[in-house]
């Protein structure tokens, strides 16, 4: 019978953060650390439940990138709108 290892909370948290923050798969992290994949899933579930980690940490950077993309798109659309306004005014003046 094998002796069960006792892993510290910090070790478990570091392993789960590799999944949440760095985007590694649980199988990769488990293989690197020499532990079972089920352990990683269980640790992640328990840290999410008690509020130690949040999936919002990962989505915060995604949200910032999305906001930047949308701001660039709004700037482009405003520029196109202004061009169309000027063209409309020019052609309206020409037709009179």
PDB file of N, CA and C in Angstrom:
ATOM      1  N   UNK A   1       0.844  -1.169   0.000  1.00  0.00           N
ATOM      2  CA  UNK A   1       0.000   0.000   0.000  1.00  0.00           C
ATOM      3  C   UNK A   1       0.894   1.238   0.000  1.00  0.00           C
ATOM      4  N   UNK A   2       0.573   2.207  -0.872  1.00  0.00           N
ATOM      5  CA  UNK A   2       1.386   3.411  -0.960  1.00  0.00           C
ATOM      6  C   UNK A   2       0.956   4.422   0.080  1.00  0.00           C
ATOM      7  N   UNK A   3       1.936   5.182   0.504  1.00  0.00           N
ATOM      8  CA  UNK A   3       1.657   6.214   1.497  1.00  0.00           C
ATOM      9  C   UNK A   3       1.112   7.445   0.786  1.00  0.00           C
ATOM     10  N   UNK A   4       0.071   8.008   1.298  1.00  0.00           N
ATOM     11  CA  UNK A   4      -0.584   9.175   0.706  1.00  0.00           C
ATOM     12  C   UNK A   4       0.199  10.434   1.051  1.00  0.00           C
ATOM     13  N   UNK A   5       0.459  11.257   0.010  1.00  0.00           N
ATOM     14  CA  UNK A   5       1.199  12.501   0.235  1.00  0.00           C
ATOM     15  C   UNK A   5       0.254  13.578   0.750  1.00  0.00           C
ATOM     16  N   UNK A   6       0.765  14.391   1.642  1.00  0.00           N
ATOM     17  CA  UNK A   6       0.005  15.527   2.151  1.00  0.00           C
ATOM     18  C   UNK A   6       0.577  16.769   1.477  1.00  0.00           C
ATOM     19  N   UNK A   7      -0.230  17.402   0.624  1.00  0.00           N
ATOM     20  CA  UNK A   7       0.216  18.580  -0.115  1.00  0.00           C
ATOM     21  C   UNK A   7      -0.326  19.839   0.554  1.00  0.00           C
ATOM     22  N   UNK A   8       0.495  20.873   0.563  1.00  0.00           N
ATOM     23  CA  UNK A   8       0.101  22.116   1.235  1.00  0.00           C
ATOM     24  C   UNK A   8      -0.940  22.869   0.414  1.00  0.00           C
ATOM     25  N   UNK A   9      -1.651  23.732   1.087  1.00  0.00           N
ATOM     26  CA  UNK A   9      -2.655  24.562   0.427  1.00  0.00           C
ATOM     27  C   UNK A   9      -2.005  25.472  -0.619  1.00  0.00           C
ATOM     28  N   UNK A  10      -0.813  25.975  -0.329  1.00  0.00           N
ATOM     29  CA  UNK A  10      -0.105  26.842  -1.267  1.00  0.00           C
ATOM     30  C   UNK A  10       0.256  26.101  -2.547  1.00  0.00           C
ATOM     31  N   UNK A  11       0.670  24.842  -2.400  1.00  0.00           N
ATOM     32  CA  UNK A  11       0.988  24.017  -3.561  1.00  0.00           C
ATOM     33  C   UNK A  11      -0.249  23.826  -4.434  1.00  0.00           C
ATOM     34  N   UNK A  12      -1.358  23.512  -3.776  1.00  0.00           N
ATOM     35  CA  UNK A  12      -2.612  23.297  -4.503  1.00  0.00           C
ATOM     36  C   UNK A  12      -3.063  24.578  -5.201  1.00  0.00           C
ATOM     37  N   UNK A  13      -2.963  25.694  -4.510  1.00  0.00           N
ATOM     38  CA  UNK A  13      -3.370  26.975  -5.073  1.00  0.00           C
ATOM     39  C   UNK A  13      -2.495  27.346  -6.269  1.00  0.00           C
ATOM     40  N   UNK A  14      -1.196  27.108  -6.163  1.00  0.00           N
ATOM     41  CA  UNK A  14      -0.284  27.401  -7.276  1.00  0.00           C
ATOM     42  C   UNK A  14      -0.636  26.535  -8.488  1.00  0.00           C
ATOM     43  N   UNK A  15      -0.980  25.286  -8.254  1.00  0.00           N
ATOM     44  CA  UNK A  15      -1.354  24.387  -9.348  1.00  0.00           C
ATOM     45  C   UNK A  15      -2.634  24.867 -10.031  1.00  0.00           C
ATOM     46  N   UNK A  16      -3.612  25.265  -9.256  1.00  0.00           N
ATOM     47  CA  UNK A  16      -4.882  25.724  -9.819  1.00  0.00           C
ATOM     48  C   UNK A  16      -4.698  27.054 -10.549  1.00  0.00           C
ATOM     49  N   UNK A  17      -3.834  27.918 -10.035  1.00  0.00           N
ATOM     50  CA  UNK A  17      -3.592  29.203 -10.705  1.00  0.00           C
ATOM     51  C   UNK A  17      -2.953  29.014 -12.077  1.00  0.00           C
ATOM     52  N   UNK A  18      -2.169  27.941 -12.232  1.00  0.00           N
ATOM     53  CA  UNK A  18      -1.606  27.648 -13.549  1.00  0.00           C
ATOM     54  C   UNK A  18      -2.721  27.398 -14.559  1.00  0.00           C
ATOM     55  N   UNK A  19      -3.798  26.811 -14.109  1.00  0.00           N
ATOM     56  CA  UNK A  19      -4.928  26.527 -14.998  1.00  0.00           C
ATOM     57  C   UNK A  19      -5.713  27.803 -15.272  1.00  0.00           C
ATOM     58  N   UNK A  20      -6.052  28.529 -14.214  1.00  0.00           N
ATOM     59  CA  UNK A  20      -6.922  29.695 -14.331  1.00  0.00           C
ATOM     60  C   UNK A  20      -6.218  30.871 -14.998  1.00  0.00           C
ATOM     61  N   UNK A  21      -5.017  31.190 -14.557  1.00  0.00           N
ATOM     62  CA  UNK A  21      -4.345  32.397 -15.035  1.00  0.00           C
ATOM     63  C   UNK A  21      -3.537  32.175 -16.303  1.00  0.00           C
ATOM     64  N   UNK A  22      -2.865  31.051 -16.398  1.00  0.00           N
ATOM     65  CA  UNK A  22      -1.998  30.810 -17.551  1.00  0.00           C
ATOM     66  C   UNK A  22      -2.686  30.056 -18.669  1.00  0.00           C
ATOM     67  N   UNK A  23      -3.852  29.500 -18.398  1.00  0.00           N
ATOM     68  CA  UNK A  23      -4.614  28.817 -19.431  1.00  0.00           C
ATOM     69  C   UNK A  23      -4.117  27.419 -19.766  1.00  0.00           C
ATOM     70  N   UNK A  24      -3.328  26.834 -18.888  1.00  0.00           N
ATOM     71  CA  UNK A  24      -2.877  25.465 -19.127  1.00  0.00           C
ATOM     72  C   UNK A  24      -4.010  24.492 -18.853  1.00  0.00           C
ATOM     73  N   UNK A  25      -3.954  23.337 -19.478  1.00  0.00           N
ATOM     74  CA  UNK A  25      -4.996  22.342 -19.229  1.00  0.00           C
ATOM     75  C   UNK A  25      -4.703  21.631 -17.909  1.00  0.00           C
ATOM     76  N   UNK A  26      -5.756  21.175 -17.241  1.00  0.00           N
ATOM     77  CA  UNK A  26      -5.549  20.450 -15.980  1.00  0.00           C
ATOM     78  C   UNK A  26      -4.682  19.204 -16.163  1.00  0.00           C
ATOM     79  N   UNK A  27      -4.810  18.546 -17.309  1.00  0.00           N
ATOM     80  CA  UNK A  27      -4.008  17.349 -17.559  1.00  0.00           C
ATOM     81  C   UNK A  27      -2.522  17.693 -17.655  1.00  0.00           C
ATOM     82  N   UNK A  28      -2.194  18.814 -18.298  1.00  0.00           N
ATOM     83  CA  UNK A  28      -0.795  19.235 -18.404  1.00  0.00           C
ATOM     84  C   UNK A  28      -0.202  19.533 -17.032  1.00  0.00           C
ATOM     85  N   UNK A  29      -0.947  20.283 -16.238  1.00  0.00           N
ATOM     86  CA  UNK A  29      -0.463  20.654 -14.902  1.00  0.00           C
ATOM     87  C   UNK A  29      -0.297  19.404 -14.043  1.00  0.00           C
ATOM     88  N   UNK A  30      -1.270  18.509 -14.101  1.00  0.00           N
ATOM     89  CA  UNK A  30      -1.192  17.282 -13.311  1.00  0.00           C
ATOM     90  C   UNK A  30       0.011  16.447 -13.726  1.00  0.00           C
ATOM     91  N   UNK A  31       0.241  16.340 -15.016  1.00  0.00           N
ATOM     92  CA  UNK A  31       1.380  15.569 -15.511  1.00  0.00           C
ATOM     93  C   UNK A  31       2.702  16.209 -15.055  1.00  0.00           C
ATOM     94  N   UNK A  32       2.798  17.544 -15.149  1.00  0.00           N
ATOM     95  CA  UNK A  32       4.016  18.248 -14.735  1.00  0.00           C
ATOM     96  C   UNK A  32       4.307  18.070 -13.250  1.00  0.00           C
ATOM     97  N   UNK A  33       3.256  18.064 -12.437  1.00  0.00           N
ATOM     98  CA  UNK A  33       3.435  17.985 -10.990  1.00  0.00           C
ATOM     99  C   UNK A  33       3.435  16.557 -10.459  1.00  0.00           C
ATOM    100  N   UNK A  34       3.102  15.605 -11.316  1.00  0.00           N
ATOM    101  CA  UNK A  34       3.094  14.208 -10.894  1.00  0.00           C
ATOM    102  C   UNK A  34       1.933  13.860  -9.985  1.00  0.00           C
ATOM    103  N   UNK A  35       0.784  14.455 -10.249  1.00  0.00           N
ATOM    104  CA  UNK A  35      -0.411  14.167  -9.457  1.00  0.00           C
ATOM    105  C   UNK A  35      -1.533  13.752 -10.395  1.00  0.00           C
ATOM    106  N   UNK A  36      -2.642  13.311  -9.834  1.00  0.00           N
ATOM    107  CA  UNK A  36      -3.751  12.876 -10.682  1.00  0.00           C
ATOM    108  C   UNK A  36      -4.562  14.077 -11.167  1.00  0.00           C
ATOM    109  N   UNK A  37      -5.155  13.908 -12.333  1.00  0.00           N
ATOM    110  CA  UNK A  37      -5.976  14.971 -12.904  1.00  0.00           C
ATOM    111  C   UNK A  37      -7.197  15.268 -12.053  1.00  0.00           C
ATOM    112  N   UNK A  38      -7.756  14.239 -11.436  1.00  0.00           N
ATOM    113  CA  UNK A  38      -8.932  14.437 -10.586  1.00  0.00           C
ATOM    114  C   UNK A  38      -8.625  15.361  -9.425  1.00  0.00           C
ATOM    115  N   UNK A  39      -7.410  15.274  -8.899  1.00  0.00           N
ATOM    116  CA  UNK A  39      -7.026  16.140  -7.780  1.00  0.00           C
ATOM    117  C   UNK A  39      -7.105  17.602  -8.185  1.00  0.00           C
ATOM    118  N   UNK A  40      -6.590  17.909  -9.367  1.00  0.00           N
ATOM    119  CA  UNK A  40      -6.612  19.297  -9.852  1.00  0.00           C
ATOM    120  C   UNK A  40      -8.050  19.794  -9.965  1.00  0.00           C
ATOM    121  N   UNK A  41      -8.914  18.986 -10.566  1.00  0.00           N
ATOM    122  CA  UNK A  41     -10.313  19.383 -10.723  1.00  0.00           C
ATOM    123  C   UNK A  41     -10.966  19.623  -9.361  1.00  0.00           C
ATOM    124  N   UNK A  42     -10.699  18.734  -8.416  1.00  0.00           N
ATOM    125  CA  UNK A  42     -11.279  18.889  -7.076  1.00  0.00           C
ATOM    126  C   UNK A  42     -10.758  20.144  -6.385  1.00  0.00           C
ATOM    127  N   UNK A  43      -9.467  20.410  -6.501  1.00  0.00           N
ATOM    128  CA  UNK A  43      -8.893  21.616  -5.895  1.00  0.00           C
ATOM    129  C   UNK A  43      -9.500  22.861  -6.508  1.00  0.00           C
ATOM    130  N   UNK A  44      -9.621  22.855  -7.821  1.00  0.00           N
ATOM    131  CA  UNK A  44     -10.189  24.024  -8.504  1.00  0.00           C
ATOM    132  C   UNK A  44     -11.617  24.261  -8.037  1.00  0.00           C
ATOM    133  N   UNK A  45     -12.405  23.208  -7.971  1.00  0.00           N
ATOM    134  CA  UNK A  45     -13.802  23.332  -7.537  1.00  0.00           C
ATOM    135  C   UNK A  45     -13.878  23.880  -6.112  1.00  0.00           C
ATOM    136  N   UNK A  46     -13.006  23.384  -5.223  1.00  0.00           N
ATOM    137  CA  UNK A  46     -13.060  23.847  -3.836  1.00  0.00           C
ATOM    138  C   UNK A  46     -12.583  25.296  -3.702  1.00  0.00           C
ATOM    139  N   UNK A  47     -11.552  25.705  -4.476  1.00  0.00           N
ATOM    140  CA  UNK A  47     -11.091  27.086  -4.417  1.00  0.00           C
ATOM    141  C   UNK A  47     -12.112  28.048  -5.012  1.00  0.00           C
ATOM    142  N   UNK A  48     -12.828  27.604  -6.037  1.00  0.00           N
ATOM    143  CA  UNK A  48     -13.892  28.446  -6.592  1.00  0.00           C
ATOM    144  C   UNK A  48     -15.037  28.583  -5.596  1.00  0.00           C
ATOM    145  N   UNK A  49     -15.362  27.485  -4.932  1.00  0.00           N
ATOM    146  CA  UNK A  49     -16.472  27.497  -3.981  1.00  0.00           C
ATOM    147  C   UNK A  49     -16.189  28.388  -2.778  1.00  0.00           C
ATOM    148  N   UNK A  50     -14.961  28.353  -2.269  1.00  0.00           N
ATOM    149  CA  UNK A  50     -14.677  29.160  -1.081  1.00  0.00           C
ATOM    150  C   UNK A  50     -14.214  30.577  -1.411  1.00  0.00           C
ATOM    151  N   UNK A  51     -14.120  30.904  -2.704  1.00  0.00           N
ATOM    152  CA  UNK A  51     -13.796  32.268  -3.102  1.00  0.00           C
ATOM    153  C   UNK A  51     -12.317  32.596  -3.127  1.00  0.00           C
ATOM    154  N   UNK A  52     -11.464  31.599  -2.970  1.00  0.00           N
ATOM    155  CA  UNK A  52     -10.018  31.844  -2.997  1.00  0.00           C
ATOM    156  C   UNK A  52      -9.584  32.328  -4.376  1.00  0.00           C
ATOM    157  N   UNK A  53     -10.139  31.726  -5.403  1.00  0.00           N
ATOM    158  CA  UNK A  53      -9.862  32.174  -6.770  1.00  0.00           C
ATOM    159  C   UNK A  53     -11.166  32.519  -7.448  1.00  0.00           C
ATOM    160  N   UNK A  54     -11.044  33.264  -8.504  1.00  0.00           N
ATOM    161  CA  UNK A  54     -12.223  33.665  -9.261  1.00  0.00           C
ATOM    162  C   UNK A  54     -11.915  33.534 -10.731  1.00  0.00           C
ATOM    163  N   UNK A  55     -12.879  33.076 -11.493  1.00  0.00           N
ATOM    164  CA  UNK A  55     -12.691  32.993 -12.932  1.00  0.00           C
ATOM    165  C   UNK A  55     -12.676  34.377 -13.544  1.00  0.00           C
ATOM    166  N   UNK A  56     -13.114  35.387 -12.789  1.00  0.00           N
ATOM    167  CA  UNK A  56     -13.092  36.761 -13.279  1.00  0.00           C
ATOM    168  C   UNK A  56     -11.672  37.257 -13.491  1.00  0.00           C
ATOM    169  N   UNK A  57     -10.702  36.686 -12.770  1.00  0.00           N
ATOM    170  CA  UNK A  57      -9.309  37.073 -12.961  1.00  0.00           C
ATOM    171  C   UNK A  57      -8.878  36.816 -14.390  1.00  0.00           C
ATOM    172  N   UNK A  58      -9.295  35.679 -14.924  1.00  0.00           N
ATOM    173  CA  UNK A  58      -8.938  35.339 -16.285  1.00  0.00           C
ATOM    174  C   UNK A  58      -9.719  36.188 -17.272  1.00  0.00           C
ATOM    175  N   UNK A  59     -10.983  36.406 -17.016  1.00  0.00           N
ATOM    176  CA  UNK A  59     -11.806  37.146 -17.954  1.00  0.00           C
ATOM    177  C   UNK A  59     -11.542  38.648 -17.890  1.00  0.00           C
ATOM    178  N   UNK A  60     -10.855  39.118 -16.850  1.00  0.00           N
ATOM    179  CA  UNK A  60     -10.548  40.548 -16.771  1.00  0.00           C
ATOM    180  C   UNK A  60      -9.646  40.970 -17.921  1.00  0.00           C
ATOM    181  N   UNK A  61      -8.642  40.184 -18.214  1.00  0.00           N
ATOM    182  CA  UNK A  61      -7.753  40.532 -19.322  1.00  0.00           C
ATOM    183  C   UNK A  61      -8.472  40.379 -20.653  1.00  0.00           C
ATOM    184  N   UNK A  62      -9.350  39.394 -20.755  1.00  0.00           N
ATOM    185  CA  UNK A  62     -10.146  39.231 -21.966  1.00  0.00           C
ATOM    186  C   UNK A  62     -11.075  40.425 -22.149  1.00  0.00           C
ATOM    187  N   UNK A  63     -11.657  40.888 -21.051  1.00  0.00           N
ATOM    188  CA  UNK A  63     -12.576  42.024 -21.118  1.00  0.00           C
ATOM    189  C   UNK A  63     -11.831  43.297 -21.508  1.00  0.00           C
ATOM    190  N   UNK A  64     -10.628  43.473 -20.981  1.00  0.00           N
ATOM    191  CA  UNK A  64      -9.842  44.656 -21.338  1.00  0.00           C
ATOM    192  C   UNK A  64      -9.500  44.655 -22.826  1.00  0.00           C
ATOM    193  N   UNK A  65      -9.157  43.506 -23.354  1.00  0.00           N
ATOM    194  CA  UNK A  65      -8.850  43.402 -24.779  1.00  0.00           C
ATOM    195  C   UNK A  65     -10.099  43.685 -25.619  1.00  0.00           C
ATOM    196  N   UNK A  66     -11.238  43.184 -25.160  1.00  0.00           N
ATOM    197  CA  UNK A  66     -12.496  43.421 -25.874  1.00  0.00           C
ATOM    198  C   UNK A  66     -12.860  44.904 -25.837  1.00  0.00           C
ATOM    199  N   UNK A  67     -12.668  45.555 -24.711  1.00  0.00           N
ATOM    200  CA  UNK A  67     -12.964  46.989 -24.592  1.00  0.00           C
ATOM    201  C   UNK A  67     -12.081  47.788 -25.535  1.00  0.00           C
ATOM    202  N   UNK A  68     -10.805  47.446 -25.613  1.00  0.00           N
ATOM    203  CA  UNK A  68      -9.892  48.146 -26.515  1.00  0.00           C
ATOM    204  C   UNK A  68     -10.334  47.964 -27.966  1.00  0.00           C
ATOM    205  N   UNK A  69     -10.698  46.740 -28.316  1.00  0.00           N
ATOM    206  CA  UNK A  69     -11.149  46.470 -29.683  1.00  0.00           C
ATOM    207  C   UNK A  69     -12.405  47.262 -30.010  1.00  0.00           C
ATOM    208  N   UNK A  70     -13.337  47.304 -29.065  1.00  0.00           N
ATOM    209  CA  UNK A  70     -14.582  48.036 -29.288  1.00  0.00           C
ATOM    210  C   UNK A  70     -14.352  49.537 -29.387  1.00  0.00           C
ATOM    211  N   UNK A  71     -13.445  50.069 -28.585  1.00  0.00           N
ATOM    212  CA  UNK A  71     -13.131  51.499 -28.671  1.00  0.00           C
ATOM    213  C   UNK A  71     -12.530  51.846 -30.030  1.00  0.00           C
ATOM    214  N   UNK A  72     -11.641  50.987 -30.517  1.00  0.00           N
ATOM    215  CA  UNK A  72     -11.066  51.204 -31.843  1.00  0.00           C
ATOM    216  C   UNK A  72     -12.145  51.163 -32.913  1.00  0.00           C
ATOM    217  N   UNK A  73     -13.065  50.229 -32.768  1.00  0.00           N
ATOM    218  CA  UNK A  73     -14.156  50.110 -33.736  1.00  0.00           C
ATOM    219  C   UNK A  73     -15.068  51.337 -33.692  1.00  0.00           C
ATOM    220  N   UNK A  74     -15.376  51.842 -32.509  1.00  0.00           N
ATOM    221  CA  UNK A  74     -16.209  53.041 -32.363  1.00  0.00           C
ATOM    222  C   UNK A  74     -15.521  54.239 -33.012  1.00  0.00           C
ATOM    223  N   UNK A  75     -14.210  54.379 -32.780  1.00  0.00           N
ATOM    224  CA  UNK A  75     -13.459  55.477 -33.396  1.00  0.00           C
ATOM    225  C   UNK A  75     -13.540  55.391 -34.917  1.00  0.00           C
ATOM    226  N   UNK A  76     -13.364  54.200 -35.469  1.00  0.00           N
ATOM    227  CA  UNK A  76     -13.434  54.001 -36.914  1.00  0.00           C
ATOM    228  C   UNK A  76     -14.834  54.330 -37.446  1.00  0.00           C
ATOM    229  N   UNK A  77     -15.863  53.865 -36.744  1.00  0.00           N
ATOM    230  CA  UNK A  77     -17.240  54.115 -37.190  1.00  0.00           C
ATOM    231  C   UNK A  77     -17.591  55.602 -37.141  1.00  0.00           C
ATOM    232  N   UNK A  78     -17.110  56.315 -36.113  1.00  0.00           N
ATOM    233  CA  UNK A  78     -17.358  57.754 -36.030  1.00  0.00           C
ATOM    234  C   UNK A  78     -16.695  58.493 -37.187  1.00  0.00           C
ATOM    235  N   UNK A  79     -15.486  58.064 -37.522  1.00  0.00           N
ATOM    236  CA  UNK A  79     -14.788  58.680 -38.639  1.00  0.00           C
ATOM    237  C   UNK A  79     -15.557  58.440 -39.949  1.00  0.00           C
ATOM    238  N   UNK A  80     -16.039  57.234 -40.157  1.00  0.00           N
ATOM    239  CA  UNK A  80     -16.809  56.926 -41.356  1.00  0.00           C
ATOM    240  C   UNK A  80     -18.118  57.722 -41.387  1.00  0.00           C
ATOM    241  N   UNK A  81     -18.771  57.856 -40.231  1.00  0.00           N
ATOM    242  CA  UNK A  81     -20.002  58.623 -40.142  1.00  0.00           C
ATOM    243  C   UNK A  81     -19.760  60.084 -40.520  1.00  0.00           C
ATOM    244  N   UNK A  82     -18.670  60.659 -40.006  1.00  0.00           N
ATOM    245  CA  UNK A  82     -18.357  62.058 -40.315  1.00  0.00           C
ATOM    246  C   UNK A  82     -18.092  62.248 -41.804  1.00  0.00           C
ATOM    247  N   UNK A  83     -17.413  61.296 -42.411  1.00  0.00           N
ATOM    248  CA  UNK A  83     -17.160  61.375 -43.854  1.00  0.00           C
ATOM    249  C   UNK A  83     -18.482  61.335 -44.619  1.00  0.00           C
ATOM    250  N   UNK A  84     -19.384  60.460 -44.221  1.00  0.00           N
ATOM    251  CA  UNK A  84     -20.679  60.359 -44.899  1.00  0.00           C
ATOM    252  C   UNK A  84     -21.510  61.627 -44.705  1.00  0.00           C
ATOM    253  N   UNK A  85     -21.438  62.235 -43.527  1.00  0.00           N
ATOM    254  CA  UNK A  85     -22.154  63.497 -43.296  1.00  0.00           C
ATOM    255  C   UNK A  85     -21.650  64.578 -44.241  1.00  0.00           C
ATOM    256  N   UNK A  86     -20.333  64.681 -44.380  1.00  0.00           N
ATOM    257  CA  UNK A  86     -19.749  65.686 -45.261  1.00  0.00           C
ATOM    258  C   UNK A  86     -20.114  65.420 -46.710  1.00  0.00           C
ATOM    259  N   UNK A  87     -20.107  64.151 -47.106  1.00  0.00           N
ATOM    260  CA  UNK A  87     -20.467  63.811 -48.484  1.00  0.00           C
ATOM    261  C   UNK A  87     -21.933  64.131 -48.746  1.00  0.00           C
ATOM    262  N   UNK A  88     -22.791  63.846 -47.784  1.00  0.00           N
ATOM    263  CA  UNK A  88     -24.220  64.152 -47.934  1.00  0.00           C
ATOM    264  C   UNK A  88     -24.427  65.652 -48.068  1.00  0.00           C
ATOM    265  N   UNK A  89     -23.748  66.433 -47.240  1.00  0.00           N
ATOM    266  CA  UNK A  89     -23.865  67.888 -47.318  1.00  0.00           C
ATOM    267  C   UNK A  89     -23.336  68.403 -48.651  1.00  0.00           C
ATOM    268  N   UNK A  90     -22.257  67.839 -49.139  1.00  0.00           N
ATOM    269  CA  UNK A  90     -21.686  68.262 -50.424  1.00  0.00           C
ATOM    270  C   UNK A  90     -22.663  67.980 -51.550  1.00  0.00           C
ATOM    271  N   UNK A  91     -23.227  66.783 -51.615  1.00  0.00           N
ATOM    272  CA  UNK A  91     -24.128  66.433 -52.708  1.00  0.00           C
ATOM    273  C   UNK A  91     -25.465  67.172 -52.591  1.00  0.00           C
ATOM    274  N   UNK A  92     -25.902  67.460 -51.378  1.00  0.00           N
ATOM    275  CA  UNK A  92     -27.146  68.217 -51.196  1.00  0.00           C
ATOM    276  C   UNK A  92     -26.944  69.639 -51.712  1.00  0.00           C
ATOM    277  N   UNK A  93     -25.799  70.226 -51.479  1.00  0.00           N
ATOM    278  CA  UNK A  93     -25.487  71.560 -51.942  1.00  0.00           C
ATOM    279  C   UNK A  93     -25.370  71.589 -53.467  1.00  0.00           C
ATOM    280  N   UNK A  94     -24.814  70.568 -54.046  1.00  0.00           N
ATOM    281  CA  UNK A  94     -24.639  70.471 -55.514  1.00  0.00           C
ATOM    282  C   UNK A  94     -25.981  70.321 -56.219  1.00  0.00           C
ATOM    283  N   UNK A  95     -26.929  69.632 -55.614  1.00  0.00           N
ATOM    284  CA  UNK A  95     -28.210  69.398 -56.276  1.00  0.00           C
ATOM    285  C   UNK A  95     -29.108  70.636 -56.249  1.00  0.00           C
ATOM    286  N   UNK A  96     -28.842  71.581 -55.369  1.00  0.00           N
ATOM    287  CA  UNK A  96     -29.637  72.799 -55.289  1.00  0.00           C
ATOM    288  C   UNK A  96     -29.188  73.762 -56.279  1.00  0.00           C
TER     289      UNK A  96
END
